[in-house]
């Protein structure tokens, strides 16, 4: 455990992986996005919270996508995903780095 705190890059990678794993594997509808439904010639776009697992094909049944043409994250959703996956680990890594520099 001590070696993780001695190497900031390793700490960043491990903490980003630990945060990204549940966000990408479990259907946690947290990120603002839109679902585009299409039936015949009519098309309807509905704003809805989406999960990152949907983009990997996890967390939904095939019947749930009956009239769904596509779904995507809004800019806010993309930013939120980046902040969760890279932002928190970066802050943690920076804090550990500053603490390490303080000891020297």
N, C-alpha and C. Protein backbone atom coordinates (compact mmCIF):
# COMPACT_ATOMS: atom_id res chain seq x y z
N UNK A 1 0.82 -1.19 0.00
CA UNK A 1 0.00 0.00 0.00
C UNK A 1 0.87 1.26 0.00
N UNK A 2 1.99 1.17 0.63
CA UNK A 2 2.88 2.32 0.73
C UNK A 2 3.46 2.70 -0.63
N UNK A 3 3.69 1.71 -1.48
CA UNK A 3 4.27 1.99 -2.80
C UNK A 3 3.31 2.81 -3.66
N UNK A 4 2.01 2.65 -3.45
CA UNK A 4 1.03 3.42 -4.21
C UNK A 4 1.15 4.91 -3.88
N UNK A 5 1.36 5.22 -2.60
CA UNK A 5 1.46 6.62 -2.21
C UNK A 5 2.82 7.22 -2.55
N UNK A 6 3.79 6.41 -2.88
CA UNK A 6 5.10 6.92 -3.27
C UNK A 6 5.16 7.28 -4.75
N UNK A 7 4.28 6.69 -5.55
CA UNK A 7 4.27 6.94 -6.99
C UNK A 7 2.92 7.56 -7.37
N UNK A 8 2.89 8.88 -7.57
CA UNK A 8 1.62 9.56 -7.85
C UNK A 8 0.91 9.07 -9.11
N UNK A 9 1.64 8.75 -10.15
CA UNK A 9 1.01 8.28 -11.39
C UNK A 9 0.29 6.96 -11.15
N UNK A 10 0.89 6.08 -10.40
CA UNK A 10 0.26 4.80 -10.07
C UNK A 10 -0.99 5.03 -9.25
N UNK A 11 -0.94 5.94 -8.31
CA UNK A 11 -2.10 6.29 -7.50
C UNK A 11 -3.23 6.83 -8.37
N UNK A 12 -2.89 7.70 -9.32
CA UNK A 12 -3.89 8.25 -10.23
C UNK A 12 -4.56 7.15 -11.04
N UNK A 13 -3.76 6.27 -11.63
CA UNK A 13 -4.30 5.21 -12.47
C UNK A 13 -5.19 4.24 -11.69
N UNK A 14 -4.75 3.85 -10.52
CA UNK A 14 -5.53 2.91 -9.72
C UNK A 14 -6.82 3.55 -9.22
N UNK A 15 -6.76 4.79 -8.76
CA UNK A 15 -7.98 5.43 -8.27
C UNK A 15 -8.95 5.73 -9.42
N UNK A 16 -8.45 6.10 -10.59
CA UNK A 16 -9.32 6.32 -11.74
C UNK A 16 -10.00 5.01 -12.15
N UNK A 17 -9.27 3.91 -12.11
CA UNK A 17 -9.84 2.61 -12.44
C UNK A 17 -10.91 2.21 -11.43
N UNK A 18 -10.65 2.45 -10.14
CA UNK A 18 -11.61 2.10 -9.10
C UNK A 18 -12.90 2.92 -9.23
N UNK A 19 -12.79 4.17 -9.63
CA UNK A 19 -13.98 5.00 -9.81
C UNK A 19 -14.70 4.64 -11.11
N UNK A 20 -13.96 4.38 -12.17
CA UNK A 20 -14.57 4.10 -13.47
C UNK A 20 -15.26 2.73 -13.50
N UNK A 21 -14.76 1.78 -12.77
CA UNK A 21 -15.30 0.44 -12.81
C UNK A 21 -16.80 0.39 -12.48
N UNK A 22 -17.25 0.89 -11.34
CA UNK A 22 -18.70 0.82 -11.09
C UNK A 22 -19.51 1.73 -12.01
N UNK A 23 -18.94 2.85 -12.44
CA UNK A 23 -19.67 3.74 -13.34
C UNK A 23 -19.91 3.10 -14.70
N UNK A 24 -18.98 2.25 -15.13
CA UNK A 24 -19.10 1.62 -16.44
C UNK A 24 -19.77 0.25 -16.39
N UNK A 25 -19.85 -0.37 -15.25
CA UNK A 25 -20.43 -1.71 -15.17
C UNK A 25 -21.85 -1.75 -14.62
N UNK A 26 -22.21 -0.81 -13.77
CA UNK A 26 -23.54 -0.81 -13.16
C UNK A 26 -24.40 0.29 -13.78
N UNK A 27 -25.69 0.05 -13.94
CA UNK A 27 -26.57 1.06 -14.55
C UNK A 27 -26.94 2.18 -13.57
N UNK A 28 -26.01 3.08 -13.35
CA UNK A 28 -26.22 4.22 -12.47
C UNK A 28 -26.56 5.41 -13.36
N UNK A 29 -27.84 5.78 -13.42
CA UNK A 29 -28.29 6.88 -14.28
C UNK A 29 -27.94 8.21 -13.64
N UNK A 30 -26.76 8.69 -13.93
CA UNK A 30 -26.22 9.85 -13.26
C UNK A 30 -25.88 11.00 -14.20
N UNK A 31 -25.66 10.70 -15.46
CA UNK A 31 -25.11 11.67 -16.39
C UNK A 31 -26.18 12.20 -17.34
N UNK A 32 -26.32 13.54 -17.44
CA UNK A 32 -27.35 14.11 -18.32
C UNK A 32 -27.12 13.76 -19.78
N UNK A 33 -28.18 13.29 -20.42
CA UNK A 33 -28.08 12.90 -21.81
C UNK A 33 -29.43 12.98 -22.49
N UNK A 34 -29.52 12.39 -23.67
CA UNK A 34 -30.76 12.40 -24.44
C UNK A 34 -30.94 11.04 -25.12
N UNK A 35 -32.20 10.66 -25.27
CA UNK A 35 -32.56 9.43 -25.98
C UNK A 35 -33.40 9.85 -27.17
N UNK A 36 -33.04 9.36 -28.34
CA UNK A 36 -33.78 9.68 -29.56
C UNK A 36 -34.61 8.45 -29.93
N UNK A 37 -35.94 8.63 -29.91
CA UNK A 37 -36.87 7.57 -30.28
C UNK A 37 -37.33 7.80 -31.72
N UNK A 38 -37.50 6.72 -32.46
CA UNK A 38 -38.00 6.84 -33.83
C UNK A 38 -38.98 5.70 -34.10
N UNK A 39 -40.17 6.08 -34.53
CA UNK A 39 -41.18 5.10 -34.92
C UNK A 39 -41.76 5.58 -36.25
N UNK A 40 -41.49 4.84 -37.28
CA UNK A 40 -41.92 5.27 -38.61
C UNK A 40 -41.15 6.51 -39.03
N UNK A 41 -41.90 7.55 -39.37
CA UNK A 41 -41.27 8.81 -39.79
C UNK A 41 -41.13 9.81 -38.65
N UNK A 42 -41.78 9.55 -37.53
CA UNK A 42 -41.71 10.49 -36.41
C UNK A 42 -40.50 10.20 -35.53
N UNK A 43 -39.91 11.28 -35.05
CA UNK A 43 -38.72 11.18 -34.21
C UNK A 43 -38.91 12.07 -32.99
N UNK A 44 -38.56 11.56 -31.81
CA UNK A 44 -38.74 12.29 -30.56
C UNK A 44 -37.46 12.20 -29.75
N UNK A 45 -36.97 13.35 -29.28
CA UNK A 45 -35.78 13.40 -28.43
C UNK A 45 -36.21 13.72 -27.01
N UNK A 46 -35.83 12.87 -26.07
CA UNK A 46 -36.20 13.02 -24.67
C UNK A 46 -34.93 13.15 -23.84
N UNK A 47 -34.86 14.21 -23.03
CA UNK A 47 -33.74 14.35 -22.11
C UNK A 47 -33.93 13.38 -20.95
N UNK A 48 -32.87 12.67 -20.62
CA UNK A 48 -32.94 11.68 -19.54
C UNK A 48 -31.55 11.46 -18.98
N UNK A 49 -31.46 11.12 -17.70
CA UNK A 49 -30.15 10.74 -17.15
C UNK A 49 -29.74 9.38 -17.70
N UNK A 50 -28.49 9.26 -18.08
CA UNK A 50 -27.98 8.02 -18.66
C UNK A 50 -26.83 7.48 -17.83
N UNK A 51 -26.55 6.22 -18.04
CA UNK A 51 -25.43 5.55 -17.38
C UNK A 51 -24.33 5.29 -18.40
N UNK A 52 -23.10 5.28 -17.95
CA UNK A 52 -21.99 4.96 -18.86
C UNK A 52 -22.05 3.51 -19.30
N UNK A 53 -22.69 2.66 -18.51
CA UNK A 53 -22.78 1.24 -18.87
C UNK A 53 -23.62 1.03 -20.12
N UNK A 54 -24.55 1.94 -20.42
CA UNK A 54 -25.37 1.80 -21.61
C UNK A 54 -24.52 1.87 -22.88
N UNK A 55 -23.45 2.64 -22.85
CA UNK A 55 -22.59 2.78 -24.02
C UNK A 55 -21.72 1.55 -24.24
N UNK A 56 -21.62 0.70 -23.22
CA UNK A 56 -20.88 -0.56 -23.35
C UNK A 56 -21.82 -1.74 -23.61
N UNK A 57 -23.11 -1.45 -23.69
CA UNK A 57 -24.09 -2.51 -23.94
C UNK A 57 -24.51 -3.25 -22.68
N UNK A 58 -24.30 -2.65 -21.52
CA UNK A 58 -24.65 -3.28 -20.25
C UNK A 58 -25.77 -2.49 -19.58
N UNK A 59 -26.59 -3.17 -18.77
CA UNK A 59 -27.55 -2.48 -17.93
C UNK A 59 -28.92 -2.27 -18.52
N UNK A 60 -29.19 -2.81 -19.68
CA UNK A 60 -30.54 -2.69 -20.24
C UNK A 60 -30.88 -3.96 -21.00
N UNK A 61 -32.17 -4.17 -21.17
CA UNK A 61 -32.66 -5.32 -21.92
C UNK A 61 -32.87 -4.91 -23.38
N UNK A 62 -32.85 -5.86 -24.28
CA UNK A 62 -33.04 -5.56 -25.70
C UNK A 62 -34.42 -4.95 -25.95
N UNK A 63 -35.43 -5.35 -25.18
CA UNK A 63 -36.77 -4.79 -25.33
C UNK A 63 -36.85 -3.33 -24.96
N UNK A 64 -35.95 -2.86 -24.12
CA UNK A 64 -35.92 -1.45 -23.73
C UNK A 64 -35.54 -0.55 -24.90
N UNK A 65 -34.91 -1.10 -25.90
CA UNK A 65 -34.43 -0.32 -27.05
C UNK A 65 -35.31 -0.48 -28.28
N UNK A 66 -36.58 -0.82 -28.07
CA UNK A 66 -37.46 -1.15 -29.19
C UNK A 66 -37.56 -0.01 -30.21
N UNK A 67 -37.82 1.19 -29.79
CA UNK A 67 -37.94 2.33 -30.70
C UNK A 67 -36.80 3.33 -30.56
N UNK A 68 -35.77 2.96 -29.85
CA UNK A 68 -34.64 3.87 -29.63
C UNK A 68 -33.74 3.87 -30.86
N UNK A 69 -33.56 5.06 -31.42
CA UNK A 69 -32.65 5.20 -32.57
C UNK A 69 -31.22 5.34 -32.07
N UNK A 70 -31.03 6.23 -31.10
CA UNK A 70 -29.70 6.45 -30.52
C UNK A 70 -29.86 7.12 -29.15
N UNK A 71 -28.77 7.16 -28.42
CA UNK A 71 -28.73 7.92 -27.17
C UNK A 71 -27.32 8.48 -27.03
N UNK A 72 -27.22 9.62 -26.35
CA UNK A 72 -25.93 10.29 -26.23
C UNK A 72 -25.93 11.15 -24.97
N UNK A 73 -24.73 11.50 -24.53
CA UNK A 73 -24.56 12.39 -23.37
C UNK A 73 -24.51 13.83 -23.85
N UNK A 74 -25.11 14.73 -23.06
CA UNK A 74 -24.96 16.15 -23.31
C UNK A 74 -23.55 16.57 -22.91
N UNK A 75 -23.20 17.80 -23.21
CA UNK A 75 -21.87 18.31 -22.84
C UNK A 75 -21.68 18.26 -21.32
N UNK A 76 -22.76 18.56 -20.58
CA UNK A 76 -22.68 18.48 -19.11
C UNK A 76 -22.41 17.05 -18.66
N UNK A 77 -23.02 16.08 -19.31
CA UNK A 77 -22.82 14.68 -18.96
C UNK A 77 -21.40 14.22 -19.23
N UNK A 78 -20.85 14.66 -20.36
CA UNK A 78 -19.47 14.31 -20.69
C UNK A 78 -18.52 14.93 -19.67
N UNK A 79 -18.76 16.20 -19.34
CA UNK A 79 -17.91 16.89 -18.37
C UNK A 79 -18.00 16.21 -17.00
N UNK A 80 -19.20 15.85 -16.59
CA UNK A 80 -19.38 15.17 -15.31
C UNK A 80 -18.66 13.83 -15.28
N UNK A 81 -18.74 13.07 -16.37
CA UNK A 81 -18.04 11.79 -16.44
C UNK A 81 -16.53 11.97 -16.36
N UNK A 82 -16.01 12.97 -17.06
CA UNK A 82 -14.57 13.23 -17.03
C UNK A 82 -14.14 13.67 -15.63
N UNK A 83 -14.95 14.51 -14.99
CA UNK A 83 -14.61 14.96 -13.64
C UNK A 83 -14.61 13.81 -12.64
N UNK A 84 -15.58 12.91 -12.76
CA UNK A 84 -15.60 11.77 -11.86
C UNK A 84 -14.41 10.84 -12.10
N UNK A 85 -14.16 10.52 -13.36
CA UNK A 85 -13.15 9.50 -13.68
C UNK A 85 -11.74 10.05 -13.59
N UNK A 86 -11.53 11.31 -13.95
CA UNK A 86 -10.17 11.87 -13.92
C UNK A 86 -9.98 12.96 -12.88
N UNK A 87 -11.03 13.71 -12.57
CA UNK A 87 -10.90 14.84 -11.65
C UNK A 87 -10.62 14.45 -10.22
N UNK A 88 -11.43 13.57 -9.66
CA UNK A 88 -11.22 13.13 -8.28
C UNK A 88 -9.86 12.44 -8.10
N UNK A 89 -9.49 11.52 -8.99
CA UNK A 89 -8.15 10.93 -8.84
C UNK A 89 -7.03 11.96 -8.97
N UNK A 90 -7.22 12.97 -9.82
CA UNK A 90 -6.19 14.01 -9.96
C UNK A 90 -6.05 14.82 -8.67
N UNK A 91 -7.17 15.16 -8.05
CA UNK A 91 -7.10 15.89 -6.78
C UNK A 91 -6.44 15.05 -5.69
N UNK A 92 -6.79 13.78 -5.63
CA UNK A 92 -6.18 12.88 -4.65
C UNK A 92 -4.68 12.75 -4.89
N UNK A 93 -4.30 12.58 -6.13
CA UNK A 93 -2.89 12.45 -6.48
C UNK A 93 -2.13 13.73 -6.16
N UNK A 94 -2.72 14.87 -6.46
CA UNK A 94 -2.07 16.15 -6.18
C UNK A 94 -1.89 16.34 -4.67
N UNK A 95 -2.88 15.96 -3.91
CA UNK A 95 -2.78 16.08 -2.45
C UNK A 95 -1.64 15.21 -1.90
N UNK A 96 -1.56 13.98 -2.38
CA UNK A 96 -0.50 13.08 -1.94
C UNK A 96 0.86 13.61 -2.38
N UNK A 97 0.94 14.15 -3.58
CA UNK A 97 2.19 14.72 -4.08
C UNK A 97 2.65 15.89 -3.21
N UNK A 98 1.71 16.78 -2.88
CA UNK A 98 2.07 17.93 -2.02
C UNK A 98 2.52 17.47 -0.63
N UNK A 99 1.87 16.47 -0.09
CA UNK A 99 2.24 15.94 1.22
C UNK A 99 3.64 15.33 1.16
N UNK A 100 3.91 14.65 0.05
CA UNK A 100 5.23 14.04 -0.14
C UNK A 100 6.32 15.12 -0.25
N UNK A 101 6.03 16.20 -0.97
CA UNK A 101 7.00 17.28 -1.12
C UNK A 101 7.20 18.03 0.19
N UNK A 102 6.19 18.08 1.02
CA UNK A 102 6.28 18.74 2.32
C UNK A 102 7.23 18.00 3.25
N UNK A 103 7.26 16.68 3.16
CA UNK A 103 8.13 15.87 4.01
C UNK A 103 9.60 16.00 3.63
N UNK A 104 9.87 16.33 2.37
CA UNK A 104 11.27 16.43 1.92
C UNK A 104 11.90 17.66 2.39
